[in-house]
Structures are given as structure tokens and as C-alpha cells.
Amino acid sequence: MKEGTGPAIGGDQLLATLAALASPHRLRIIAALATGGRNYVSRLAREIGISRPLLHLHLQKLEDAGLVSSRLELSADGKALNYFEVAPFDLELTPGAVAEASKTLTSKSET
């Protein structure tokens, strides 16, 4: 989120983004995909050192926040592989940006 350089992020999206990034596993997933490029679930789980079911939970949270995207592809031997990659994002967090985002919060995002 760049203040004054592009469309402001909405309050609900800011909350979803911050919540998705508030996990060491999810930060490691973003880092692995950012440095190693797109990857499929089994290989990514091995690289990060977590189980596939746990990785799926974290990837779903990241995908829901728009931080990663997925695409199902068939390998040469006919196996379906779900590839994930980092979605482009640029998040600059400033007090002014938070103030602007807070104006658009909906009641559903209150906890």
C-alpha cells in the first residue's frame, strides 16, 4: 500500500492481509515462493518442513488474502499438481494509510 501512489487498500482487505502475514509459517511460504518461484504443494511442504495438510491451511489463508495464487496442472506422468506462486503486492504501512483504510471497515470485520 503506497500512500498517494495508487488506490488505497480497503480496511477489510488490510485486516485480511495483516492476518495472513501474522504467522511464521506463512511468512516462510511467501519467502520460499518469492525466492524459489512457483512450486507445487508436496515440494513446498518438504522445503519448508511442514506437513502438506498444514501447508494447505496456510496456503488457503494466503490465497484468500490475495497474496498467493494457485493453478492446477497435469505433470508429464498424468499427476495433478497444484502450483502456487506469490501474487504481486506492495504493502507500505503508515499511520495515514491505516487511518484511510479504517474508514472503509465493515461491521463483519469487527472482532
N, C-alpha and C. Protein backbone atom coordinates (compact mmCIF):
# COMPACT_ATOMS: atom_id res chain seq x y z
N MET A 1 0.86 -1.15 0.00
CA MET A 1 0.00 0.00 0.00
C MET A 1 0.90 1.21 0.00
N LYS A 2 0.96 1.90 -1.08
CA LYS A 2 1.76 3.11 -1.20
C LYS A 2 0.84 4.30 -1.06
N GLU A 3 1.12 5.13 -0.08
CA GLU A 3 0.29 6.29 0.15
C GLU A 3 0.47 7.28 -0.99
N GLY A 4 -0.64 7.65 -1.61
CA GLY A 4 -0.62 8.66 -2.65
C GLY A 4 -0.12 8.18 -3.99
N THR A 5 0.27 6.92 -4.16
CA THR A 5 0.79 6.47 -5.44
C THR A 5 -0.14 5.51 -6.16
N GLY A 6 -1.19 5.08 -5.52
CA GLY A 6 -2.11 4.14 -6.14
C GLY A 6 -3.38 4.06 -5.34
N PRO A 7 -4.26 3.16 -5.74
CA PRO A 7 -5.51 3.04 -5.00
C PRO A 7 -5.23 2.56 -3.57
N ALA A 8 -5.91 3.17 -2.63
CA ALA A 8 -5.76 2.79 -1.23
C ALA A 8 -6.40 1.43 -1.00
N ILE A 9 -5.82 0.69 -0.09
CA ILE A 9 -6.37 -0.61 0.27
C ILE A 9 -7.52 -0.38 1.24
N GLY A 10 -8.58 -1.17 1.09
CA GLY A 10 -9.73 -1.05 1.98
C GLY A 10 -9.43 -1.66 3.34
N GLY A 11 -10.20 -1.25 4.33
CA GLY A 11 -9.98 -1.72 5.69
C GLY A 11 -10.10 -3.23 5.83
N ASP A 12 -11.11 -3.83 5.20
CA ASP A 12 -11.29 -5.28 5.30
C ASP A 12 -10.13 -6.02 4.65
N GLN A 13 -9.67 -5.51 3.50
CA GLN A 13 -8.53 -6.15 2.83
C GLN A 13 -7.25 -5.99 3.64
N LEU A 14 -7.07 -4.82 4.27
CA LEU A 14 -5.90 -4.62 5.11
C LEU A 14 -5.90 -5.62 6.27
N LEU A 15 -7.05 -5.81 6.91
CA LEU A 15 -7.14 -6.78 8.00
C LEU A 15 -6.83 -8.19 7.52
N ALA A 16 -7.37 -8.57 6.38
CA ALA A 16 -7.12 -9.92 5.83
C ALA A 16 -5.64 -10.10 5.50
N THR A 17 -5.02 -9.07 4.95
CA THR A 17 -3.61 -9.15 4.59
C THR A 17 -2.74 -9.26 5.83
N LEU A 18 -3.00 -8.42 6.82
CA LEU A 18 -2.20 -8.46 8.04
C LEU A 18 -2.40 -9.78 8.78
N ALA A 19 -3.62 -10.28 8.81
CA ALA A 19 -3.89 -11.57 9.47
C ALA A 19 -3.17 -12.70 8.74
N ALA A 20 -3.16 -12.64 7.41
CA ALA A 20 -2.50 -13.70 6.64
C ALA A 20 -0.99 -13.67 6.86
N LEU A 21 -0.43 -12.51 7.08
CA LEU A 21 1.02 -12.40 7.27
C LEU A 21 1.45 -12.60 8.72
N ALA A 22 0.49 -12.75 9.62
CA ALA A 22 0.79 -12.84 11.06
C ALA A 22 1.09 -14.28 11.49
N SER A 23 1.92 -14.95 10.74
CA SER A 23 2.29 -16.33 11.06
C SER A 23 3.69 -16.60 10.52
N PRO A 24 4.57 -17.16 11.34
CA PRO A 24 5.90 -17.50 10.84
C PRO A 24 5.86 -18.48 9.66
N HIS A 25 4.94 -19.45 9.70
CA HIS A 25 4.84 -20.39 8.58
C HIS A 25 4.45 -19.66 7.29
N ARG A 26 3.49 -18.76 7.38
CA ARG A 26 3.04 -18.06 6.17
C ARG A 26 4.12 -17.12 5.65
N LEU A 27 4.88 -16.51 6.54
CA LEU A 27 6.00 -15.68 6.08
C LEU A 27 7.04 -16.54 5.37
N ARG A 28 7.30 -17.74 5.90
CA ARG A 28 8.25 -18.64 5.24
C ARG A 28 7.73 -19.11 3.88
N ILE A 29 6.44 -19.32 3.77
CA ILE A 29 5.85 -19.72 2.49
C ILE A 29 6.03 -18.61 1.46
N ILE A 30 5.71 -17.37 1.84
CA ILE A 30 5.88 -16.23 0.93
C ILE A 30 7.35 -16.12 0.52
N ALA A 31 8.26 -16.25 1.50
CA ALA A 31 9.69 -16.15 1.20
C ALA A 31 10.14 -17.25 0.24
N ALA A 32 9.70 -18.48 0.48
CA ALA A 32 10.09 -19.59 -0.39
C ALA A 32 9.58 -19.39 -1.81
N LEU A 33 8.36 -18.94 -1.94
CA LEU A 33 7.80 -18.72 -3.28
C LEU A 33 8.42 -17.50 -3.95
N ALA A 34 8.75 -16.48 -3.16
CA ALA A 34 9.36 -15.28 -3.73
C ALA A 34 10.77 -15.54 -4.22
N THR A 35 11.52 -16.35 -3.50
CA THR A 35 12.90 -16.61 -3.90
C THR A 35 13.04 -17.79 -4.84
N GLY A 36 12.21 -18.81 -4.67
CA GLY A 36 12.34 -20.02 -5.48
C GLY A 36 11.37 -20.10 -6.65
N GLY A 37 10.44 -19.17 -6.72
CA GLY A 37 9.45 -19.21 -7.79
C GLY A 37 8.31 -20.16 -7.47
N ARG A 38 7.43 -20.30 -8.42
CA ARG A 38 6.24 -21.13 -8.20
C ARG A 38 6.64 -22.55 -7.85
N ASN A 39 5.77 -23.19 -7.08
CA ASN A 39 6.11 -24.52 -6.59
C ASN A 39 4.82 -25.28 -6.32
N TYR A 40 4.91 -26.60 -6.33
CA TYR A 40 3.73 -27.40 -6.02
C TYR A 40 3.77 -27.82 -4.56
N VAL A 41 2.62 -28.21 -4.03
CA VAL A 41 2.42 -28.38 -2.60
C VAL A 41 3.40 -29.36 -1.98
N SER A 42 3.57 -30.53 -2.55
CA SER A 42 4.44 -31.54 -1.93
C SER A 42 5.88 -31.05 -1.80
N ARG A 43 6.40 -30.48 -2.86
CA ARG A 43 7.78 -29.99 -2.82
C ARG A 43 7.91 -28.82 -1.85
N LEU A 44 6.95 -27.91 -1.88
CA LEU A 44 6.97 -26.75 -0.98
C LEU A 44 6.91 -27.20 0.49
N ALA A 45 6.09 -28.20 0.79
CA ALA A 45 6.00 -28.71 2.16
C ALA A 45 7.34 -29.29 2.60
N ARG A 46 8.01 -30.02 1.73
CA ARG A 46 9.32 -30.57 2.06
C ARG A 46 10.35 -29.45 2.30
N GLU A 47 10.34 -28.45 1.43
CA GLU A 47 11.30 -27.35 1.56
C GLU A 47 11.11 -26.56 2.84
N ILE A 48 9.86 -26.33 3.22
CA ILE A 48 9.58 -25.54 4.42
C ILE A 48 9.65 -26.39 5.68
N GLY A 49 9.41 -27.68 5.53
CA GLY A 49 9.49 -28.59 6.66
C GLY A 49 8.21 -28.68 7.47
N ILE A 50 7.07 -28.60 6.77
CA ILE A 50 5.78 -28.78 7.44
C ILE A 50 4.96 -29.80 6.66
N SER A 51 3.92 -30.32 7.30
CA SER A 51 3.09 -31.31 6.63
C SER A 51 2.25 -30.67 5.52
N ARG A 52 1.85 -31.49 4.56
CA ARG A 52 1.01 -30.99 3.48
C ARG A 52 -0.33 -30.46 3.98
N PRO A 53 -1.02 -31.16 4.91
CA PRO A 53 -2.29 -30.60 5.40
C PRO A 53 -2.11 -29.23 6.07
N LEU A 54 -1.04 -29.06 6.85
CA LEU A 54 -0.80 -27.77 7.48
C LEU A 54 -0.46 -26.72 6.43
N LEU A 55 0.34 -27.11 5.44
CA LEU A 55 0.67 -26.18 4.36
C LEU A 55 -0.59 -25.75 3.62
N HIS A 56 -1.49 -26.68 3.35
CA HIS A 56 -2.74 -26.34 2.67
C HIS A 56 -3.53 -25.29 3.45
N LEU A 57 -3.60 -25.44 4.77
CA LEU A 57 -4.32 -24.46 5.58
C LEU A 57 -3.69 -23.08 5.45
N HIS A 58 -2.38 -23.02 5.50
CA HIS A 58 -1.69 -21.73 5.39
C HIS A 58 -1.82 -21.14 3.98
N LEU A 59 -1.71 -21.99 2.97
CA LEU A 59 -1.85 -21.51 1.60
C LEU A 59 -3.26 -20.96 1.35
N GLN A 60 -4.27 -21.60 1.92
CA GLN A 60 -5.64 -21.12 1.76
C GLN A 60 -5.80 -19.73 2.36
N LYS A 61 -5.23 -19.51 3.53
CA LYS A 61 -5.29 -18.19 4.18
C LYS A 61 -4.59 -17.15 3.32
N LEU A 62 -3.43 -17.50 2.79
CA LEU A 62 -2.70 -16.57 1.93
C LEU A 62 -3.45 -16.30 0.62
N GLU A 63 -4.06 -17.33 0.07
CA GLU A 63 -4.81 -17.16 -1.18
C GLU A 63 -6.06 -16.31 -0.94
N ASP A 64 -6.75 -16.54 0.17
CA ASP A 64 -7.93 -15.75 0.50
C ASP A 64 -7.60 -14.27 0.63
N ALA A 65 -6.39 -13.97 1.09
CA ALA A 65 -5.96 -12.59 1.25
C ALA A 65 -5.39 -12.01 -0.04
N GLY A 66 -5.29 -12.83 -1.09
CA GLY A 66 -4.78 -12.36 -2.37
C GLY A 66 -3.27 -12.27 -2.44
N LEU A 67 -2.57 -12.94 -1.54
CA LEU A 67 -1.11 -12.88 -1.51
C LEU A 67 -0.43 -13.96 -2.33
N VAL A 68 -1.13 -15.06 -2.58
CA VAL A 68 -0.64 -16.11 -3.47
C VAL A 68 -1.79 -16.52 -4.39
N SER A 69 -1.42 -17.13 -5.49
CA SER A 69 -2.43 -17.68 -6.39
C SER A 69 -2.04 -19.12 -6.71
N SER A 70 -3.03 -19.90 -7.13
CA SER A 70 -2.76 -21.30 -7.43
C SER A 70 -3.29 -21.66 -8.81
N ARG A 71 -2.71 -22.73 -9.32
CA ARG A 71 -3.14 -23.23 -10.62
C ARG A 71 -2.89 -24.73 -10.67
N LEU A 72 -3.92 -25.47 -11.01
CA LEU A 72 -3.81 -26.92 -11.10
C LEU A 72 -3.30 -27.29 -12.48
N GLU A 73 -2.24 -28.11 -12.53
CA GLU A 73 -1.64 -28.53 -13.79
C GLU A 73 -1.39 -30.03 -13.76
N LEU A 74 -1.35 -30.64 -14.92
CA LEU A 74 -1.02 -32.06 -15.04
C LEU A 74 0.45 -32.22 -15.36
N SER A 75 1.11 -33.13 -14.64
CA SER A 75 2.52 -33.41 -14.91
C SER A 75 2.61 -34.33 -16.12
N ALA A 76 3.82 -34.57 -16.58
CA ALA A 76 4.04 -35.43 -17.74
C ALA A 76 3.53 -36.85 -17.50
N ASP A 77 3.56 -37.30 -16.24
CA ASP A 77 3.08 -38.65 -15.95
C ASP A 77 1.59 -38.67 -15.57
N GLY A 78 0.90 -37.56 -15.76
CA GLY A 78 -0.55 -37.51 -15.55
C GLY A 78 -1.00 -37.16 -14.15
N LYS A 79 -0.07 -36.85 -13.24
CA LYS A 79 -0.46 -36.46 -11.88
C LYS A 79 -0.88 -35.00 -11.86
N ALA A 80 -1.94 -34.73 -11.10
CA ALA A 80 -2.40 -33.35 -10.92
C ALA A 80 -1.55 -32.69 -9.84
N LEU A 81 -0.95 -31.57 -10.20
CA LEU A 81 -0.11 -30.82 -9.26
C LEU A 81 -0.70 -29.42 -9.10
N ASN A 82 -0.87 -29.01 -7.85
CA ASN A 82 -1.39 -27.68 -7.57
C ASN A 82 -0.21 -26.75 -7.32
N TYR A 83 0.07 -25.88 -8.29
CA TYR A 83 1.19 -24.95 -8.19
C TYR A 83 0.74 -23.65 -7.55
N PHE A 84 1.59 -23.11 -6.69
CA PHE A 84 1.33 -21.83 -6.04
C PHE A 84 2.45 -20.87 -6.39
N GLU A 85 2.09 -19.59 -6.48
CA GLU A 85 3.08 -18.54 -6.68
C GLU A 85 2.63 -17.28 -5.95
N VAL A 86 3.59 -16.44 -5.66
CA VAL A 86 3.29 -15.19 -4.97
C VAL A 86 2.57 -14.26 -5.94
N ALA A 87 1.50 -13.66 -5.47
CA ALA A 87 0.80 -12.64 -6.26
C ALA A 87 1.54 -11.32 -6.02
N PRO A 88 1.59 -10.46 -7.03
CA PRO A 88 2.27 -9.18 -6.81
C PRO A 88 1.54 -8.36 -5.75
N PHE A 89 2.29 -7.88 -4.78
CA PHE A 89 1.72 -6.97 -3.79
C PHE A 89 2.82 -6.06 -3.28
N ASP A 90 2.41 -4.88 -2.85
CA ASP A 90 3.32 -3.89 -2.31
C ASP A 90 2.60 -3.23 -1.15
N LEU A 91 2.99 -3.57 0.04
CA LEU A 91 2.30 -3.11 1.23
C LEU A 91 3.21 -2.18 2.02
N GLU A 92 2.86 -0.90 2.03
CA GLU A 92 3.58 0.07 2.86
C GLU A 92 2.61 0.53 3.93
N LEU A 93 2.95 0.23 5.15
CA LEU A 93 2.05 0.50 6.26
C LEU A 93 2.46 1.80 6.95
N THR A 94 1.59 2.77 6.89
CA THR A 94 1.83 4.06 7.55
C THR A 94 0.61 4.41 8.38
N PRO A 95 0.76 5.31 9.36
CA PRO A 95 -0.42 5.73 10.13
C PRO A 95 -1.52 6.33 9.25
N GLY A 96 -1.15 7.09 8.25
CA GLY A 96 -2.13 7.67 7.35
C GLY A 96 -2.88 6.63 6.54
N ALA A 97 -2.15 5.61 6.08
CA ALA A 97 -2.79 4.54 5.31
C ALA A 97 -3.76 3.76 6.18
N VAL A 98 -3.37 3.51 7.43
CA VAL A 98 -4.26 2.81 8.36
C VAL A 98 -5.51 3.65 8.62
N ALA A 99 -5.33 4.94 8.81
CA ALA A 99 -6.47 5.83 9.05
C ALA A 99 -7.44 5.82 7.86
N GLU A 100 -6.90 5.86 6.65
CA GLU A 100 -7.76 5.83 5.46
C GLU A 100 -8.47 4.48 5.35
N ALA A 101 -7.75 3.40 5.57
CA ALA A 101 -8.34 2.06 5.47
C ALA A 101 -9.43 1.87 6.51
N SER A 102 -9.24 2.43 7.69
CA SER A 102 -10.23 2.24 8.76
C SER A 102 -11.58 2.85 8.42
N LYS A 103 -11.60 3.82 7.53
CA LYS A 103 -12.86 4.46 7.13
C LYS A 103 -13.77 3.51 6.36
N THR A 104 -13.21 2.46 5.80
CA THR A 104 -14.00 1.55 4.95
C THR A 104 -14.28 0.21 5.62
N LEU A 105 -13.92 0.08 6.89
CA LEU A 105 -14.20 -1.19 7.59
C LEU A 105 -15.70 -1.46 7.64
N THR A 106 -16.05 -2.72 7.42
CA THR A 106 -17.45 -3.11 7.53
C THR A 106 -17.69 -3.73 8.89
N SER A 107 -18.93 -3.84 9.28
CA SER A 107 -19.26 -4.40 10.59
C SER A 107 -18.85 -5.86 10.71
N LYS A 108 -18.79 -6.59 9.58
CA LYS A 108 -18.42 -8.01 9.62
C LYS A 108 -16.97 -8.21 10.04
N SER A 109 -16.14 -7.19 9.91
CA SER A 109 -14.74 -7.36 10.24
C SER A 109 -14.44 -7.02 11.70
N GLU A 110 -15.45 -6.69 12.46
CA GLU A 110 -15.25 -6.40 13.89
C GLU A 110 -15.15 -7.70 14.65
N THR A 111 -14.15 -7.79 15.53
CA THR A 111 -14.00 -8.98 16.36
C THR A 111 -13.83 -8.60 17.81
